[in-house]
Amino acid sequence: MAEEVCSHMKEIKELELAKEYVCEECIKTGSTWVHLRTCQTCGATLCCDDSRHKHMTKHFHRSGHPVVISSEPGEKWMWCYTDNLFAEYS
């Protein structure tokens, strides 16, 4: 993990990976997505801000769950919405 991490990232003991490579909300509405993120509090996998509906950011505002990881193959990073902090992990 990167040297600079926030308290929210430090609380994560084991990363929750996407169970399926789909945006749970886009599937419900028949929409499409660009990239996926997985919430490290509840495990929801939703679309990123490059996607039309920005479901993961909406999830953060609704739930307050601060940390997500990229669910994109080969990407190993996390983002804390609360602290606007990015960190890579191995």
N, C-alpha and C. Protein backbone atom coordinates (compact mmCIF):
# COMPACT_ATOMS: atom_id res chain seq x y z
N MET A 1 0.84 -1.17 0.00
CA MET A 1 0.00 0.00 0.00
C MET A 1 0.89 1.23 0.00
N ALA A 2 0.40 2.31 -0.55
CA ALA A 2 1.16 3.55 -0.60
C ALA A 2 1.42 4.05 0.81
N GLU A 3 2.41 4.92 0.95
CA GLU A 3 2.76 5.44 2.28
C GLU A 3 1.65 6.30 2.86
N GLU A 4 1.02 7.14 2.03
CA GLU A 4 -0.02 8.03 2.54
C GLU A 4 -1.38 7.34 2.48
N VAL A 5 -1.90 6.99 3.63
CA VAL A 5 -3.24 6.40 3.71
C VAL A 5 -4.00 7.11 4.83
N CYS A 6 -5.30 7.13 4.69
CA CYS A 6 -6.13 7.78 5.71
C CYS A 6 -6.63 6.74 6.72
N SER A 7 -7.28 7.21 7.75
CA SER A 7 -7.79 6.30 8.78
C SER A 7 -8.82 5.33 8.20
N HIS A 8 -9.59 5.78 7.21
CA HIS A 8 -10.59 4.89 6.59
C HIS A 8 -9.91 3.72 5.88
N MET A 9 -8.82 4.01 5.17
CA MET A 9 -8.09 2.95 4.46
C MET A 9 -7.40 2.02 5.45
N LYS A 10 -6.89 2.57 6.54
CA LYS A 10 -6.19 1.75 7.55
C LYS A 10 -7.14 0.76 8.21
N GLU A 11 -8.42 1.08 8.26
CA GLU A 11 -9.41 0.20 8.89
C GLU A 11 -9.68 -1.06 8.08
N ILE A 12 -9.36 -1.05 6.79
CA ILE A 12 -9.63 -2.19 5.92
C ILE A 12 -8.59 -3.27 6.16
N LYS A 13 -9.04 -4.43 6.56
CA LYS A 13 -8.13 -5.54 6.86
C LYS A 13 -7.97 -6.47 5.66
N GLU A 14 -9.05 -6.66 4.91
CA GLU A 14 -9.02 -7.54 3.74
C GLU A 14 -9.86 -6.87 2.65
N LEU A 15 -9.30 -6.76 1.46
CA LEU A 15 -10.01 -6.09 0.37
C LEU A 15 -11.15 -6.97 -0.14
N GLU A 16 -12.28 -6.34 -0.37
CA GLU A 16 -13.47 -7.00 -0.92
C GLU A 16 -13.43 -6.81 -2.43
N LEU A 17 -13.30 -7.90 -3.17
CA LEU A 17 -13.26 -7.84 -4.63
C LEU A 17 -14.66 -7.99 -5.20
N ALA A 18 -14.85 -7.53 -6.43
CA ALA A 18 -16.15 -7.64 -7.10
C ALA A 18 -16.55 -9.10 -7.21
N LYS A 19 -17.80 -9.38 -6.89
CA LYS A 19 -18.32 -10.74 -7.03
C LYS A 19 -18.65 -11.03 -8.49
N GLU A 20 -19.17 -10.02 -9.18
CA GLU A 20 -19.45 -10.11 -10.61
C GLU A 20 -18.96 -8.83 -11.26
N TYR A 21 -18.57 -8.89 -12.52
CA TYR A 21 -18.08 -7.71 -13.22
C TYR A 21 -19.25 -6.99 -13.89
N VAL A 22 -20.14 -6.44 -13.06
CA VAL A 22 -21.30 -5.67 -13.54
C VAL A 22 -21.60 -4.57 -12.54
N CYS A 23 -22.20 -3.48 -13.02
CA CYS A 23 -22.72 -2.45 -12.13
C CYS A 23 -24.12 -2.90 -11.73
N GLU A 24 -24.30 -3.14 -10.45
CA GLU A 24 -25.57 -3.67 -9.94
C GLU A 24 -26.74 -2.76 -10.29
N GLU A 25 -26.54 -1.44 -10.26
CA GLU A 25 -27.62 -0.49 -10.55
C GLU A 25 -27.87 -0.35 -12.05
N CYS A 26 -26.82 -0.35 -12.86
CA CYS A 26 -27.00 -0.26 -14.31
C CYS A 26 -27.75 -1.48 -14.83
N ILE A 27 -27.49 -2.64 -14.28
CA ILE A 27 -28.20 -3.86 -14.68
C ILE A 27 -29.70 -3.70 -14.45
N LYS A 28 -30.08 -3.12 -13.32
CA LYS A 28 -31.50 -2.93 -12.99
C LYS A 28 -32.21 -2.03 -14.00
N THR A 29 -31.50 -1.03 -14.53
CA THR A 29 -32.12 -0.06 -15.44
C THR A 29 -31.81 -0.32 -16.91
N GLY A 30 -31.00 -1.33 -17.19
CA GLY A 30 -30.64 -1.63 -18.57
C GLY A 30 -29.64 -0.64 -19.14
N SER A 31 -28.89 0.04 -18.27
CA SER A 31 -27.90 1.02 -18.70
C SER A 31 -26.53 0.35 -18.85
N THR A 32 -25.55 1.12 -19.28
CA THR A 32 -24.19 0.61 -19.44
C THR A 32 -23.25 1.41 -18.54
N TRP A 33 -22.04 0.93 -18.38
CA TRP A 33 -21.05 1.57 -17.53
C TRP A 33 -19.72 1.60 -18.23
N VAL A 34 -18.78 2.41 -17.68
CA VAL A 34 -17.43 2.53 -18.24
C VAL A 34 -16.46 1.70 -17.41
N HIS A 35 -16.32 2.01 -16.12
CA HIS A 35 -15.44 1.29 -15.21
C HIS A 35 -16.20 0.98 -13.93
N LEU A 36 -15.72 -0.01 -13.21
CA LEU A 36 -16.40 -0.43 -11.98
C LEU A 36 -15.53 -0.23 -10.75
N ARG A 37 -16.19 0.03 -9.63
CA ARG A 37 -15.55 0.19 -8.33
C ARG A 37 -16.30 -0.69 -7.33
N THR A 38 -15.59 -1.19 -6.32
CA THR A 38 -16.23 -2.01 -5.29
C THR A 38 -16.08 -1.33 -3.94
N CYS A 39 -17.20 -1.13 -3.26
CA CYS A 39 -17.25 -0.51 -1.94
C CYS A 39 -16.59 -1.45 -0.93
N GLN A 40 -15.70 -0.90 -0.11
CA GLN A 40 -14.99 -1.72 0.86
C GLN A 40 -15.71 -1.81 2.21
N THR A 41 -16.90 -1.23 2.28
CA THR A 41 -17.72 -1.38 3.47
C THR A 41 -18.78 -2.47 3.27
N CYS A 42 -19.47 -2.43 2.13
CA CYS A 42 -20.59 -3.35 1.92
C CYS A 42 -20.40 -4.30 0.74
N GLY A 43 -19.37 -4.09 -0.09
CA GLY A 43 -19.11 -4.98 -1.22
C GLY A 43 -19.89 -4.67 -2.48
N ALA A 44 -20.67 -3.58 -2.50
CA ALA A 44 -21.42 -3.22 -3.71
C ALA A 44 -20.45 -2.88 -4.82
N THR A 45 -20.73 -3.37 -6.03
CA THR A 45 -19.93 -3.04 -7.20
C THR A 45 -20.78 -2.17 -8.11
N LEU A 46 -20.28 -0.94 -8.36
CA LEU A 46 -21.05 0.06 -9.09
C LEU A 46 -20.14 0.82 -10.04
N CYS A 47 -20.75 1.59 -10.94
CA CYS A 47 -19.99 2.30 -11.97
C CYS A 47 -19.33 3.58 -11.45
N CYS A 48 -18.27 3.99 -12.13
CA CYS A 48 -17.46 5.14 -11.74
C CYS A 48 -18.02 6.44 -12.30
N ASP A 49 -17.33 7.53 -12.01
CA ASP A 49 -17.77 8.86 -12.47
C ASP A 49 -17.61 9.08 -13.97
N ASP A 50 -16.87 8.23 -14.66
CA ASP A 50 -16.81 8.32 -16.12
C ASP A 50 -18.05 7.71 -16.75
N SER A 51 -18.83 7.00 -15.97
CA SER A 51 -20.06 6.38 -16.43
C SER A 51 -21.21 7.38 -16.32
N ARG A 52 -22.23 7.19 -17.11
CA ARG A 52 -23.36 8.12 -17.19
C ARG A 52 -24.04 8.37 -15.83
N HIS A 53 -24.26 7.32 -15.06
CA HIS A 53 -25.04 7.46 -13.84
C HIS A 53 -24.22 7.64 -12.56
N LYS A 54 -22.92 7.41 -12.63
CA LYS A 54 -22.03 7.64 -11.48
C LYS A 54 -22.57 6.99 -10.21
N HIS A 55 -22.94 5.72 -10.31
CA HIS A 55 -23.59 5.04 -9.20
C HIS A 55 -22.74 4.92 -7.94
N MET A 56 -21.41 4.75 -8.08
CA MET A 56 -20.60 4.59 -6.87
C MET A 56 -20.55 5.89 -6.08
N THR A 57 -20.43 7.02 -6.74
CA THR A 57 -20.43 8.29 -6.01
C THR A 57 -21.78 8.53 -5.35
N LYS A 58 -22.85 8.18 -6.03
CA LYS A 58 -24.19 8.29 -5.43
C LYS A 58 -24.30 7.37 -4.21
N HIS A 59 -23.71 6.18 -4.32
CA HIS A 59 -23.70 5.24 -3.19
C HIS A 59 -22.99 5.86 -1.98
N PHE A 60 -21.84 6.48 -2.22
CA PHE A 60 -21.10 7.14 -1.13
C PHE A 60 -21.96 8.21 -0.46
N HIS A 61 -22.59 9.07 -1.26
CA HIS A 61 -23.40 10.16 -0.69
C HIS A 61 -24.60 9.62 0.08
N ARG A 62 -25.15 8.52 -0.38
CA ARG A 62 -26.31 7.92 0.28
C ARG A 62 -25.92 7.15 1.54
N SER A 63 -24.81 6.41 1.47
CA SER A 63 -24.44 5.49 2.55
C SER A 63 -23.36 6.01 3.49
N GLY A 64 -22.49 6.89 2.98
CA GLY A 64 -21.35 7.34 3.77
C GLY A 64 -20.19 6.37 3.77
N HIS A 65 -20.25 5.30 2.98
CA HIS A 65 -19.16 4.33 2.90
C HIS A 65 -18.00 4.98 2.16
N PRO A 66 -16.85 5.18 2.81
CA PRO A 66 -15.81 6.05 2.27
C PRO A 66 -14.85 5.45 1.24
N VAL A 67 -14.52 4.17 1.33
CA VAL A 67 -13.42 3.63 0.52
C VAL A 67 -13.92 2.65 -0.55
N VAL A 68 -13.42 2.86 -1.77
CA VAL A 68 -13.69 1.94 -2.88
C VAL A 68 -12.37 1.51 -3.48
N ILE A 69 -12.39 0.36 -4.14
CA ILE A 69 -11.23 -0.06 -4.94
C ILE A 69 -11.68 -0.17 -6.38
N SER A 70 -10.71 -0.08 -7.28
CA SER A 70 -11.00 -0.32 -8.69
C SER A 70 -11.29 -1.80 -8.87
N SER A 71 -12.31 -2.09 -9.66
CA SER A 71 -12.62 -3.48 -9.99
C SER A 71 -12.15 -3.83 -11.38
N GLU A 72 -11.34 -2.96 -11.95
CA GLU A 72 -10.81 -3.18 -13.30
C GLU A 72 -9.64 -4.16 -13.24
N PRO A 73 -9.61 -5.12 -14.15
CA PRO A 73 -8.50 -6.09 -14.18
C PRO A 73 -7.15 -5.38 -14.26
N GLY A 74 -6.23 -5.79 -13.41
CA GLY A 74 -4.88 -5.25 -13.41
C GLY A 74 -4.70 -3.96 -12.62
N GLU A 75 -5.78 -3.32 -12.19
CA GLU A 75 -5.67 -2.10 -11.40
C GLU A 75 -5.71 -2.44 -9.91
N LYS A 76 -4.80 -1.85 -9.16
CA LYS A 76 -4.72 -2.12 -7.72
C LYS A 76 -4.61 -0.78 -6.99
N TRP A 77 -5.75 -0.11 -6.89
CA TRP A 77 -5.78 1.15 -6.18
C TRP A 77 -7.09 1.31 -5.44
N MET A 78 -7.05 2.20 -4.44
CA MET A 78 -8.25 2.51 -3.67
C MET A 78 -8.40 4.02 -3.58
N TRP A 79 -9.63 4.44 -3.31
CA TRP A 79 -9.96 5.86 -3.21
C TRP A 79 -10.83 6.07 -1.98
N CYS A 80 -10.51 7.10 -1.22
CA CYS A 80 -11.34 7.49 -0.08
C CYS A 80 -12.09 8.75 -0.47
N TYR A 81 -13.41 8.64 -0.57
CA TYR A 81 -14.24 9.80 -0.90
C TYR A 81 -14.16 10.86 0.20
N THR A 82 -14.17 10.44 1.44
CA THR A 82 -14.19 11.38 2.56
C THR A 82 -12.96 12.27 2.58
N ASP A 83 -11.78 11.66 2.38
CA ASP A 83 -10.52 12.39 2.46
C ASP A 83 -9.94 12.76 1.10
N ASN A 84 -10.65 12.43 0.00
CA ASN A 84 -10.15 12.69 -1.36
C ASN A 84 -8.71 12.18 -1.51
N LEU A 85 -8.51 10.93 -1.13
CA LEU A 85 -7.17 10.36 -1.11
C LEU A 85 -7.11 9.09 -1.95
N PHE A 86 -6.08 8.99 -2.78
CA PHE A 86 -5.82 7.86 -3.66
C PHE A 86 -4.63 7.09 -3.11
N ALA A 87 -4.68 5.75 -3.16
CA ALA A 87 -3.53 4.94 -2.74
C ALA A 87 -3.48 3.68 -3.57
N GLU A 88 -2.29 3.26 -3.92
CA GLU A 88 -2.10 1.98 -4.61
C GLU A 88 -1.80 0.92 -3.57
N TYR A 89 -2.09 -0.32 -3.91
CA TYR A 89 -1.77 -1.44 -3.04
C TYR A 89 -1.22 -2.59 -3.87
N SER A 90 -0.60 -3.54 -3.21
CA SER A 90 -0.01 -4.67 -3.95
C SER A 90 -0.78 -5.95 -3.68
